[in-house]
Structure formats: structure tokens, C-alpha cells
Amino acid sequence: MSPAEDLAKRYIHIWNEADPAARRAQIAALWIENGTHYVHLREVHGHADLETRVATSHQTNVAERNNWFEVDGGVEHLRDMVKFNWRMVPKGGATVAATGLIVCLLAEDGRIRIDYQFIDPD
């Protein structure tokens, strides 16, 4: 597995992680301290706000709606950028509930500096 594929796998795993302490540690390992996450018109800065963003998504999409996030297809790495598609599917089901694209800009240490999350329209 390439470093970019590992990053994509760890990124997606965070959104599925049920344990808040494990999720917090994984966020710190994956994003720089002042990392930024953009989705729609929303902008999130730093580990604490990232944790809130991911926890809210997890509660709604995974815990309540019984979905699961997955990397969808290949992962591309170019210089300081990693790009991959994702999908959300029901646990045990095949019907795709949502899809999107992630573009991550990396810091010198390989952690995420900025990530852009694009959610495909229904």
C-alpha cells in the first residue's frame, strides 16, 4: 500500500470510528494542529473543531443511519496533494447512499494541512 493509499484509508476510517478517544488520536495523527477542512460553505480549523465535525457526521450517518464510509476506487498522489473518491453505503447493503471527492494538501511531515470535501449532489 502506498503512503497516499494509507492516508486515504486512515482518513475514511476516522469517519467510521465510534470511539471518541480513538477518533481524537487519529485526527491528531492525520492533520496538522491548525489543519483546515472545507465542505460546502463550512470551514473547520484545528483538531478540536475537526473532532466536532467528524463526530457529528459519525453520529448522523454511521450511528443513526447505519451507514459506512469507504474509499471508492483509486487514490492519486501528486507532489503535496492526495485525491480520492469516497462513498457511503448501508452496512450490509449494496445501495450507495452518497458519494464524493476528497482533495488533501499535505504539510511537509505528510499530515493533512488542508482538505477539501466535495459531496456529489443527489
N, C-alpha and C. Protein backbone atom coordinates (compact mmCIF):
# COMPACT_ATOMS: atom_id res chain seq x y z
N MET A 1 0.85 -1.17 0.00
CA MET A 1 0.00 0.00 0.00
C MET A 1 0.90 1.24 0.00
N SER A 2 0.62 2.17 -0.89
CA SER A 2 1.40 3.41 -0.98
C SER A 2 1.07 4.33 0.20
N PRO A 3 1.94 5.29 0.50
CA PRO A 3 1.62 6.26 1.55
C PRO A 3 0.31 7.01 1.29
N ALA A 4 0.03 7.34 0.03
CA ALA A 4 -1.22 8.04 -0.30
C ALA A 4 -2.43 7.14 -0.05
N GLU A 5 -2.32 5.87 -0.41
CA GLU A 5 -3.42 4.93 -0.16
C GLU A 5 -3.64 4.75 1.34
N ASP A 6 -2.55 4.71 2.10
CA ASP A 6 -2.65 4.60 3.55
C ASP A 6 -3.34 5.83 4.14
N LEU A 7 -2.99 7.02 3.65
CA LEU A 7 -3.62 8.25 4.12
C LEU A 7 -5.12 8.21 3.84
N ALA A 8 -5.51 7.82 2.63
CA ALA A 8 -6.93 7.75 2.27
C ALA A 8 -7.67 6.76 3.17
N LYS A 9 -7.06 5.61 3.41
CA LYS A 9 -7.67 4.59 4.26
C LYS A 9 -7.86 5.12 5.69
N ARG A 10 -6.83 5.77 6.23
CA ARG A 10 -6.91 6.31 7.59
C ARG A 10 -7.92 7.46 7.66
N TYR A 11 -7.96 8.29 6.62
CA TYR A 11 -8.92 9.40 6.57
C TYR A 11 -10.34 8.86 6.65
N ILE A 12 -10.66 7.90 5.81
CA ILE A 12 -12.02 7.33 5.80
C ILE A 12 -12.32 6.63 7.12
N HIS A 13 -11.34 5.93 7.68
CA HIS A 13 -11.56 5.21 8.94
C HIS A 13 -12.01 6.15 10.05
N ILE A 14 -11.47 7.37 10.07
CA ILE A 14 -11.84 8.33 11.11
C ILE A 14 -13.34 8.59 11.12
N TRP A 15 -13.97 8.68 9.95
CA TRP A 15 -15.40 8.97 9.86
C TRP A 15 -16.25 7.79 10.33
N ASN A 16 -15.68 6.58 10.33
CA ASN A 16 -16.38 5.38 10.80
C ASN A 16 -16.09 5.06 12.26
N GLU A 17 -15.07 5.68 12.84
CA GLU A 17 -14.61 5.36 14.19
C GLU A 17 -15.65 5.76 15.24
N ALA A 18 -16.08 4.77 16.04
CA ALA A 18 -17.11 5.01 17.06
C ALA A 18 -16.52 5.53 18.37
N ASP A 19 -15.29 5.19 18.68
CA ASP A 19 -14.67 5.56 19.95
C ASP A 19 -14.12 6.99 19.87
N PRO A 20 -14.68 7.92 20.67
CA PRO A 20 -14.23 9.32 20.61
C PRO A 20 -12.74 9.50 20.90
N ALA A 21 -12.20 8.74 21.86
CA ALA A 21 -10.77 8.89 22.19
C ALA A 21 -9.90 8.40 21.04
N ALA A 22 -10.27 7.29 20.43
CA ALA A 22 -9.52 6.79 19.27
C ALA A 22 -9.62 7.76 18.11
N ARG A 23 -10.81 8.30 17.90
CA ARG A 23 -11.02 9.26 16.81
C ARG A 23 -10.16 10.51 17.03
N ARG A 24 -10.12 11.00 18.25
CA ARG A 24 -9.32 12.18 18.60
C ARG A 24 -7.84 11.93 18.30
N ALA A 25 -7.33 10.77 18.70
CA ALA A 25 -5.93 10.42 18.45
C ALA A 25 -5.64 10.29 16.96
N GLN A 26 -6.58 9.72 16.22
CA GLN A 26 -6.40 9.56 14.78
C GLN A 26 -6.42 10.90 14.06
N ILE A 27 -7.25 11.83 14.51
CA ILE A 27 -7.28 13.18 13.92
C ILE A 27 -5.93 13.86 14.15
N ALA A 28 -5.39 13.76 15.36
CA ALA A 28 -4.10 14.38 15.66
C ALA A 28 -2.98 13.76 14.83
N ALA A 29 -3.08 12.47 14.54
CA ALA A 29 -2.06 11.80 13.74
C ALA A 29 -2.17 12.14 12.26
N LEU A 30 -3.35 12.49 11.80
CA LEU A 30 -3.57 12.68 10.36
C LEU A 30 -3.51 14.15 9.93
N TRP A 31 -3.95 15.09 10.77
CA TRP A 31 -3.97 16.52 10.43
C TRP A 31 -2.93 17.26 11.25
N ILE A 32 -2.36 18.31 10.69
CA ILE A 32 -1.52 19.20 11.48
C ILE A 32 -2.42 19.93 12.48
N GLU A 33 -1.83 20.50 13.52
CA GLU A 33 -2.60 21.11 14.61
C GLU A 33 -3.61 22.14 14.12
N ASN A 34 -3.22 22.98 13.18
CA ASN A 34 -4.13 24.01 12.68
C ASN A 34 -4.69 23.65 11.30
N GLY A 35 -4.84 22.34 11.05
CA GLY A 35 -5.37 21.88 9.77
C GLY A 35 -6.77 22.43 9.51
N THR A 36 -7.10 22.56 8.23
CA THR A 36 -8.38 23.13 7.82
C THR A 36 -9.14 22.13 6.96
N HIS A 37 -10.44 22.07 7.19
CA HIS A 37 -11.35 21.19 6.44
C HIS A 37 -12.45 22.06 5.85
N TYR A 38 -12.65 21.92 4.54
CA TYR A 38 -13.70 22.67 3.85
C TYR A 38 -14.73 21.70 3.29
N VAL A 39 -16.00 21.98 3.50
CA VAL A 39 -17.09 21.23 2.89
C VAL A 39 -18.25 22.20 2.71
N HIS A 40 -18.82 22.21 1.50
CA HIS A 40 -19.88 23.17 1.16
C HIS A 40 -19.44 24.58 1.56
N LEU A 41 -20.25 25.27 2.32
CA LEU A 41 -19.90 26.62 2.77
C LEU A 41 -19.28 26.59 4.17
N ARG A 42 -18.97 25.42 4.66
CA ARG A 42 -18.46 25.24 6.01
C ARG A 42 -16.93 25.18 6.00
N GLU A 43 -16.34 25.78 7.02
CA GLU A 43 -14.89 25.81 7.18
C GLU A 43 -14.57 25.45 8.62
N VAL A 44 -13.72 24.46 8.83
CA VAL A 44 -13.39 23.97 10.16
C VAL A 44 -11.88 24.06 10.35
N HIS A 45 -11.42 24.60 11.49
CA HIS A 45 -9.99 24.79 11.75
C HIS A 45 -9.58 24.11 13.05
N GLY A 46 -8.48 23.38 13.02
CA GLY A 46 -7.88 22.81 14.22
C GLY A 46 -8.49 21.49 14.64
N HIS A 47 -7.74 20.77 15.47
CA HIS A 47 -8.14 19.43 15.89
C HIS A 47 -9.48 19.40 16.61
N ALA A 48 -9.73 20.34 17.51
CA ALA A 48 -10.98 20.31 18.28
C ALA A 48 -12.19 20.47 17.37
N ASP A 49 -12.12 21.42 16.44
CA ASP A 49 -13.25 21.62 15.52
C ASP A 49 -13.38 20.48 14.52
N LEU A 50 -12.25 19.91 14.10
CA LEU A 50 -12.30 18.73 13.23
C LEU A 50 -12.98 17.57 13.95
N GLU A 51 -12.64 17.41 15.22
CA GLU A 51 -13.24 16.34 16.02
C GLU A 51 -14.76 16.52 16.10
N THR A 52 -15.21 17.74 16.33
CA THR A 52 -16.65 18.02 16.38
C THR A 52 -17.30 17.72 15.04
N ARG A 53 -16.68 18.16 13.95
CA ARG A 53 -17.22 17.92 12.60
C ARG A 53 -17.35 16.43 12.32
N VAL A 54 -16.31 15.66 12.60
CA VAL A 54 -16.32 14.23 12.33
C VAL A 54 -17.31 13.52 13.25
N ALA A 55 -17.34 13.89 14.52
CA ALA A 55 -18.26 13.26 15.48
C ALA A 55 -19.71 13.49 15.08
N THR A 56 -20.03 14.69 14.62
CA THR A 56 -21.40 15.00 14.18
C THR A 56 -21.78 14.17 12.97
N SER A 57 -20.87 14.08 12.00
CA SER A 57 -21.13 13.26 10.81
C SER A 57 -21.28 11.79 11.20
N HIS A 58 -20.40 11.32 12.08
CA HIS A 58 -20.48 9.92 12.51
C HIS A 58 -21.82 9.63 13.18
N GLN A 59 -22.23 10.49 14.08
CA GLN A 59 -23.50 10.28 14.79
C GLN A 59 -24.67 10.18 13.80
N THR A 60 -24.73 11.12 12.87
CA THR A 60 -25.84 11.16 11.91
C THR A 60 -25.77 10.03 10.90
N ASN A 61 -24.63 9.87 10.26
CA ASN A 61 -24.54 8.96 9.12
C ASN A 61 -24.23 7.51 9.48
N VAL A 62 -23.41 7.30 10.49
CA VAL A 62 -23.00 5.94 10.85
C VAL A 62 -23.86 5.39 11.98
N ALA A 63 -23.90 6.07 13.12
CA ALA A 63 -24.62 5.56 14.29
C ALA A 63 -26.13 5.52 14.07
N GLU A 64 -26.71 6.63 13.59
CA GLU A 64 -28.17 6.69 13.45
C GLU A 64 -28.68 6.05 12.16
N ARG A 65 -27.99 6.26 11.07
CA ARG A 65 -28.48 5.77 9.77
C ARG A 65 -27.85 4.45 9.35
N ASN A 66 -26.92 3.93 10.16
CA ASN A 66 -26.31 2.63 9.93
C ASN A 66 -25.57 2.54 8.59
N ASN A 67 -24.89 3.63 8.22
CA ASN A 67 -24.08 3.65 7.00
C ASN A 67 -22.61 3.46 7.34
N TRP A 68 -21.80 3.34 6.31
CA TRP A 68 -20.37 3.12 6.43
C TRP A 68 -19.68 3.87 5.30
N PHE A 69 -18.57 4.52 5.59
CA PHE A 69 -17.79 5.22 4.56
C PHE A 69 -16.69 4.31 4.03
N GLU A 70 -16.40 4.42 2.73
CA GLU A 70 -15.36 3.63 2.08
C GLU A 70 -14.63 4.48 1.04
N VAL A 71 -13.37 4.15 0.80
CA VAL A 71 -12.66 4.72 -0.35
C VAL A 71 -13.28 4.07 -1.58
N ASP A 72 -13.56 4.86 -2.59
CA ASP A 72 -14.23 4.38 -3.81
C ASP A 72 -13.28 4.52 -4.99
N GLY A 73 -12.55 3.46 -5.29
CA GLY A 73 -11.62 3.49 -6.42
C GLY A 73 -10.20 3.79 -6.00
N GLY A 74 -9.43 4.30 -6.94
CA GLY A 74 -8.02 4.54 -6.72
C GLY A 74 -7.73 5.84 -6.00
N VAL A 75 -6.50 5.96 -5.57
CA VAL A 75 -6.00 7.14 -4.87
C VAL A 75 -4.88 7.73 -5.72
N GLU A 76 -4.91 9.03 -5.94
CA GLU A 76 -3.87 9.69 -6.72
C GLU A 76 -3.05 10.61 -5.83
N HIS A 77 -1.74 10.63 -6.07
CA HIS A 77 -0.82 11.46 -5.30
C HIS A 77 0.04 12.24 -6.28
N LEU A 78 0.06 13.55 -6.15
CA LEU A 78 0.88 14.42 -6.99
C LEU A 78 1.50 15.49 -6.11
N ARG A 79 2.80 15.43 -5.96
CA ARG A 79 3.56 16.38 -5.13
C ARG A 79 3.00 16.41 -3.70
N ASP A 80 2.38 17.51 -3.29
CA ASP A 80 1.86 17.62 -1.92
C ASP A 80 0.34 17.46 -1.87
N MET A 81 -0.21 16.73 -2.85
CA MET A 81 -1.67 16.59 -2.94
C MET A 81 -2.06 15.11 -3.07
N VAL A 82 -3.12 14.75 -2.36
CA VAL A 82 -3.71 13.41 -2.47
C VAL A 82 -5.18 13.60 -2.80
N LYS A 83 -5.66 12.80 -3.77
CA LYS A 83 -7.05 12.90 -4.21
C LYS A 83 -7.64 11.50 -4.25
N PHE A 84 -8.88 11.37 -3.73
CA PHE A 84 -9.58 10.09 -3.81
C PHE A 84 -11.08 10.32 -3.70
N ASN A 85 -11.82 9.37 -4.22
CA ASN A 85 -13.28 9.39 -4.11
C ASN A 85 -13.70 8.54 -2.92
N TRP A 86 -14.87 8.84 -2.41
CA TRP A 86 -15.43 8.08 -1.30
C TRP A 86 -16.90 7.78 -1.60
N ARG A 87 -17.41 6.83 -0.87
CA ARG A 87 -18.85 6.54 -0.94
C ARG A 87 -19.33 6.16 0.45
N MET A 88 -20.62 6.39 0.66
CA MET A 88 -21.27 5.99 1.90
C MET A 88 -22.31 4.95 1.53
N VAL A 89 -22.22 3.79 2.17
CA VAL A 89 -23.13 2.69 1.87
C VAL A 89 -23.74 2.17 3.16
N PRO A 90 -24.96 1.62 3.09
CA PRO A 90 -25.53 1.00 4.27
C PRO A 90 -24.70 -0.22 4.69
N LYS A 91 -24.51 -0.40 5.99
CA LYS A 91 -23.80 -1.60 6.46
C LYS A 91 -24.58 -2.82 6.01
N GLY A 92 -23.90 -3.72 5.34
CA GLY A 92 -24.55 -4.94 4.86
C GLY A 92 -25.35 -4.75 3.59
N GLY A 93 -25.34 -3.57 3.01
CA GLY A 93 -26.11 -3.32 1.80
C GLY A 93 -25.23 -2.89 0.65
N ALA A 94 -25.79 -2.88 -0.52
CA ALA A 94 -25.02 -2.53 -1.71
C ALA A 94 -25.42 -1.19 -2.31
N THR A 95 -26.53 -0.63 -1.89
CA THR A 95 -27.01 0.63 -2.45
C THR A 95 -26.17 1.79 -1.93
N VAL A 96 -25.60 2.55 -2.83
CA VAL A 96 -24.77 3.69 -2.44
C VAL A 96 -25.67 4.84 -2.00
N ALA A 97 -25.44 5.34 -0.79
CA ALA A 97 -26.26 6.42 -0.24
C ALA A 97 -25.71 7.80 -0.60
N ALA A 98 -24.39 7.93 -0.76
CA ALA A 98 -23.77 9.21 -1.10
C ALA A 98 -22.37 8.94 -1.64
N THR A 99 -21.88 9.89 -2.44
CA THR A 99 -20.53 9.81 -2.98
C THR A 99 -19.89 11.19 -2.94
N GLY A 100 -18.58 11.21 -3.08
CA GLY A 100 -17.90 12.49 -3.11
C GLY A 100 -16.43 12.35 -3.42
N LEU A 101 -15.74 13.45 -3.31
CA LEU A 101 -14.32 13.56 -3.63
C LEU A 101 -13.61 14.27 -2.49
N ILE A 102 -12.42 13.80 -2.16
CA ILE A 102 -11.56 14.43 -1.16
C ILE A 102 -10.27 14.85 -1.84
N VAL A 103 -9.85 16.08 -1.61
CA VAL A 103 -8.55 16.57 -2.07
C VAL A 103 -7.82 17.09 -0.84
N CYS A 104 -6.67 16.49 -0.54
CA CYS A 104 -5.88 16.87 0.63
C CYS A 104 -4.57 17.51 0.20
N LEU A 105 -4.26 18.65 0.79
CA LEU A 105 -2.95 19.28 0.62
C LEU A 105 -2.14 18.94 1.86
N LEU A 106 -0.95 18.41 1.66
CA LEU A 106 -0.16 17.88 2.76
C LEU A 106 0.89 18.87 3.24
N ALA A 107 1.18 18.79 4.53
CA ALA A 107 2.28 19.55 5.12
C ALA A 107 3.58 18.79 4.85
N GLU A 108 4.70 19.38 5.20
CA GLU A 108 5.99 18.74 4.97
C GLU A 108 6.13 17.42 5.70
N ASP A 109 5.45 17.25 6.82
CA ASP A 109 5.55 16.00 7.58
C ASP A 109 4.60 14.92 7.07
N GLY A 110 3.85 15.21 6.00
CA GLY A 110 2.94 14.22 5.40
C GLY A 110 1.54 14.24 5.96
N ARG A 111 1.30 15.04 7.00
CA ARG A 111 -0.06 15.14 7.54
C ARG A 111 -0.87 16.14 6.71
N ILE A 112 -2.17 16.11 6.89
CA ILE A 112 -3.06 16.98 6.12
C ILE A 112 -2.97 18.40 6.65
N ARG A 113 -2.74 19.32 5.73
CA ARG A 113 -2.74 20.75 6.03
C ARG A 113 -4.11 21.33 5.74
N ILE A 114 -4.65 20.98 4.57
CA ILE A 114 -5.98 21.42 4.15
C ILE A 114 -6.66 20.25 3.47
N ASP A 115 -7.93 20.04 3.78
CA ASP A 115 -8.68 19.06 2.98
C ASP A 115 -9.98 19.67 2.51
N TYR A 116 -10.27 19.38 1.27
CA TYR A 116 -11.49 19.84 0.61
C TYR A 116 -12.37 18.62 0.39
N GLN A 117 -13.57 18.67 0.91
CA GLN A 117 -14.51 17.56 0.74
C GLN A 117 -15.66 18.02 -0.15
N PHE A 118 -15.79 17.33 -1.27
CA PHE A 118 -16.87 17.61 -2.21
C PHE A 118 -17.89 16.49 -2.10
N ILE A 119 -19.13 16.83 -1.82
CA ILE A 119 -20.20 15.84 -1.75
C ILE A 119 -21.01 15.96 -3.02
N ASP A 120 -21.11 14.84 -3.75
CA ASP A 120 -21.85 14.86 -5.01
C ASP A 120 -23.32 15.14 -4.75
N PRO A 121 -23.95 15.93 -5.63
CA PRO A 121 -25.39 16.18 -5.47
C PRO A 121 -26.18 14.88 -5.64
N ASP A 122 -27.33 14.82 -5.02
CA ASP A 122 -28.19 13.62 -5.12
C ASP A 122 -28.56 13.33 -6.55
